[in-house]
């Protein structure tokens, strides 16, 4: 029997796996030994037994492949669960980031208002400083004018004090 025919037999009997294959061979042998069947049917059963015996390695191989595939499916499911958890985490981080961004925007807006108020206060301070400087300059000018106006008085007073001093020292 060719491999293609063996594959067909295995495909025709997909329910037979590993120990099921052995059980089926035993069942067919039991039937041949204990039942009264025609020669043609016996030949057919022997042919099936031989086919099952030939396909035993493939069935074992297929069972191993199925087990490996099942392990792979379990691993894939575990990875998918991890990806989902990570995705949920990313969604949470995105929501947090959006919240932080909105708070930053509110704070930026408030900062712009405060900066505007600071600029207005700075303008007021500059204007007040200019008025103070102007007043100080005016005060300095007025003092100079006063000192010029009073200069002759002070000179006269100095002369008068010296005269009193000289007059007082003679007596």
Protein backbone atom coordinates (compact mmCIF):
# COMPACT_ATOMS: atom_id res chain seq x y z
CA UNK A 1 0.00 0.00 0.00
CA UNK A 2 1.36 3.40 -0.93
CA UNK A 3 1.65 6.34 1.45
CA UNK A 4 -1.19 8.07 -0.37
CA UNK A 5 -3.45 5.07 0.26
CA UNK A 6 -2.35 4.94 3.90
CA UNK A 7 -3.17 8.63 4.21
CA UNK A 8 -6.62 7.94 2.81
CA UNK A 9 -7.20 5.18 5.33
CA UNK A 10 -6.06 7.42 8.18
CA UNK A 11 -8.31 10.15 6.85
CA UNK A 12 -11.20 7.69 6.50
CA UNK A 13 -10.79 6.79 10.17
CA UNK A 14 -10.02 10.09 11.88
CA UNK A 15 -11.50 8.85 15.15
CA UNK A 16 -8.72 6.32 15.52
CA UNK A 17 -5.81 7.70 17.50
CA UNK A 18 -2.95 5.87 19.26
CA UNK A 19 -4.60 3.47 21.71
CA UNK A 20 -7.83 3.67 19.70
CA UNK A 21 -5.87 2.27 16.77
CA UNK A 22 -4.76 -0.71 18.89
CA UNK A 23 -8.28 -1.21 20.21
CA UNK A 24 -9.66 -1.23 16.68
CA UNK A 25 -7.06 -3.84 15.62
CA UNK A 26 -8.04 -6.02 18.62
CA UNK A 27 -11.71 -5.61 17.82
CA UNK A 28 -11.18 -6.63 14.19
CA UNK A 29 -9.03 -9.65 15.29
CA UNK A 30 -11.72 -10.66 17.77
CA UNK A 31 -14.29 -10.44 15.03
CA UNK A 32 -12.20 -12.61 12.70
CA UNK A 33 -11.57 -15.21 15.40
CA UNK A 34 -14.95 -15.39 17.12
CA UNK A 35 -17.49 -14.45 14.50
CA UNK A 36 -18.50 -16.48 11.54
CA UNK A 37 -17.93 -14.25 8.55
CA UNK A 38 -17.38 -14.86 4.87
CA UNK A 39 -13.90 -15.31 3.47
CA UNK A 40 -14.22 -12.09 1.51
CA UNK A 41 -15.20 -10.17 4.62
CA UNK A 42 -12.32 -11.81 6.56
CA UNK A 43 -9.88 -10.73 3.84
CA UNK A 44 -11.32 -7.22 4.05
CA UNK A 45 -10.86 -7.19 7.85
CA UNK A 46 -7.27 -8.50 7.53
CA UNK A 47 -6.60 -5.79 4.97
CA UNK A 48 -7.97 -3.19 7.40
CA UNK A 49 -5.81 -4.63 10.20
CA UNK A 50 -2.69 -4.43 8.03
CA UNK A 51 -3.60 -0.90 7.03
CA UNK A 52 -4.08 0.05 10.68
CA UNK A 53 -0.76 -1.55 11.63
CA UNK A 54 1.01 0.31 8.82
CA UNK A 55 -0.58 3.58 9.82
CA UNK A 56 0.28 3.10 13.53
CA UNK A 57 3.50 5.22 13.26
CA UNK A 58 1.65 7.93 11.38
CA UNK A 59 -1.14 7.90 13.94
CA UNK A 60 1.45 8.20 16.72
CA UNK A 61 3.17 10.95 14.79
CA UNK A 62 -0.13 12.71 14.23
CA UNK A 63 -0.99 12.39 17.91
CA UNK A 64 2.37 13.93 18.82
CA UNK A 65 1.79 16.69 16.29
CA UNK A 66 -1.69 17.31 17.70
CA UNK A 67 -0.27 17.49 21.21
CA UNK A 68 2.42 19.88 20.04
CA UNK A 69 -0.20 21.89 18.16
CA UNK A 70 -2.37 21.97 21.28
CA UNK A 71 0.61 23.24 23.27
CA UNK A 72 1.16 25.86 20.60
CA UNK A 73 -2.50 26.85 20.78
CA UNK A 74 -2.24 27.15 24.57
CA UNK A 75 0.90 29.27 24.21
CA UNK A 76 -0.81 31.38 21.55
CA UNK A 77 -3.80 31.90 23.83
CA UNK A 78 -1.49 32.86 26.68
CA UNK A 79 0.32 35.32 24.41
CA UNK A 80 -2.99 36.73 23.22
CA UNK A 81 -4.06 37.18 26.83
CA UNK A 82 -0.80 38.97 27.57
CA UNK A 83 -1.26 41.16 24.50
CA UNK A 84 -4.79 41.97 25.65
CA UNK A 85 -3.54 42.85 29.13
CA UNK A 86 -0.80 45.02 27.64
CA UNK A 87 -3.34 46.61 25.30
CA UNK A 88 -5.61 47.38 28.25
CA UNK A 89 -2.60 48.84 30.07
CA UNK A 90 -1.77 50.97 27.05
CA UNK A 91 -5.37 52.16 26.88
CA UNK A 92 -5.18 53.12 30.56
CA UNK A 93 -1.93 54.97 29.99
CA UNK A 94 -3.42 56.76 26.99
CA UNK A 95 -6.40 57.86 29.10
CA UNK A 96 -4.07 59.04 31.87
CA UNK A 97 -1.93 60.88 29.33
CA UNK A 98 -5.03 62.56 27.90
CA UNK A 99 -6.07 63.61 31.41
CA UNK A 100 -2.60 64.96 32.13
CA UNK A 101 -2.58 66.81 28.82
CA UNK A 102 -5.92 68.44 29.61
CA UNK A 103 -4.61 69.46 33.05
CA UNK A 104 -1.47 70.85 31.43
CA UNK A 105 -3.62 72.82 28.98
CA UNK A 106 -5.68 74.27 31.84
CA UNK A 107 -2.51 75.16 33.73
CA UNK A 108 -0.98 76.68 30.57
CA UNK A 109 -4.09 78.82 30.14
CA UNK A 110 -3.90 79.90 33.77
CA UNK A 111 -0.20 80.61 33.38
CA UNK A 112 -0.91 82.81 30.34
CA UNK A 113 -3.45 84.77 32.40
CA UNK A 114 -0.94 85.14 35.25
CA UNK A 115 1.79 86.15 32.78
CA UNK A 116 -0.59 88.79 31.41
CA UNK A 117 -1.26 90.09 34.91
CA UNK A 118 2.48 90.12 35.64
CA UNK A 119 3.07 92.11 32.44
CA UNK A 120 0.41 94.64 33.48
CA UNK A 121 1.92 94.92 36.96
CA UNK A 122 5.38 95.31 35.43
CA UNK A 123 4.04 98.16 33.26
CA UNK A 124 2.50 99.76 36.36
CA UNK A 125 5.80 99.32 38.22
CA UNK A 126 7.74 100.89 35.35
CA UNK A 127 5.30 103.81 35.24
CA UNK A 128 5.54 104.25 39.04
CA UNK A 129 9.33 104.05 38.88
CA UNK A 130 9.35 106.69 36.13
CA UNK A 131 7.08 108.95 38.22
CA UNK A 132 9.31 108.42 41.28
CA UNK A 133 12.43 109.26 39.26
CA UNK A 134 10.72 112.34 37.84
CA UNK A 135 9.61 113.43 41.34
CA UNK A 136 13.10 112.85 42.73
CA UNK A 137 14.59 114.86 39.90
CA UNK A 138 12.08 117.64 40.57
CA UNK A 139 12.87 117.48 44.29
CA UNK A 140 16.58 117.71 43.57
CA UNK A 141 16.00 120.70 41.31
CA UNK A 142 13.83 122.39 43.94
CA UNK A 143 16.50 121.82 46.60
CA UNK A 144 19.12 123.34 44.33
CA UNK A 145 16.87 126.34 43.73
CA UNK A 146 16.20 126.63 47.45
CA UNK A 147 19.90 126.36 48.24
CA UNK A 148 20.65 129.03 45.64
CA UNK A 149 17.93 131.25 47.04
CA UNK A 150 19.14 130.71 50.60
CA UNK A 151 22.84 130.89 49.77
CA UNK A 152 23.06 134.62 50.53
CA UNK A 153 21.16 134.03 53.83
CA UNK A 154 23.64 131.36 54.86
CA UNK A 155 26.58 133.49 53.88
CA UNK A 156 25.17 136.37 55.87
CA UNK A 157 24.55 134.10 58.83
CA UNK A 158 28.14 132.81 58.71
CA UNK A 159 29.41 136.38 58.61
CA UNK A 160 27.08 137.32 61.47
CA UNK A 161 28.20 134.35 63.59
CA UNK A 162 31.84 135.25 62.99
CA UNK A 163 31.09 138.84 63.92
CA UNK A 164 29.41 137.71 67.15
CA UNK A 165 32.29 135.45 67.84
CA UNK A 166 34.76 138.26 67.29
CA UNK A 167 32.69 140.65 69.26
CA UNK A 168 32.30 138.21 72.11
CA UNK A 169 36.00 137.41 72.29
CA UNK A 170 36.91 141.12 72.81
CA UNK A 171 34.95 141.51 75.94
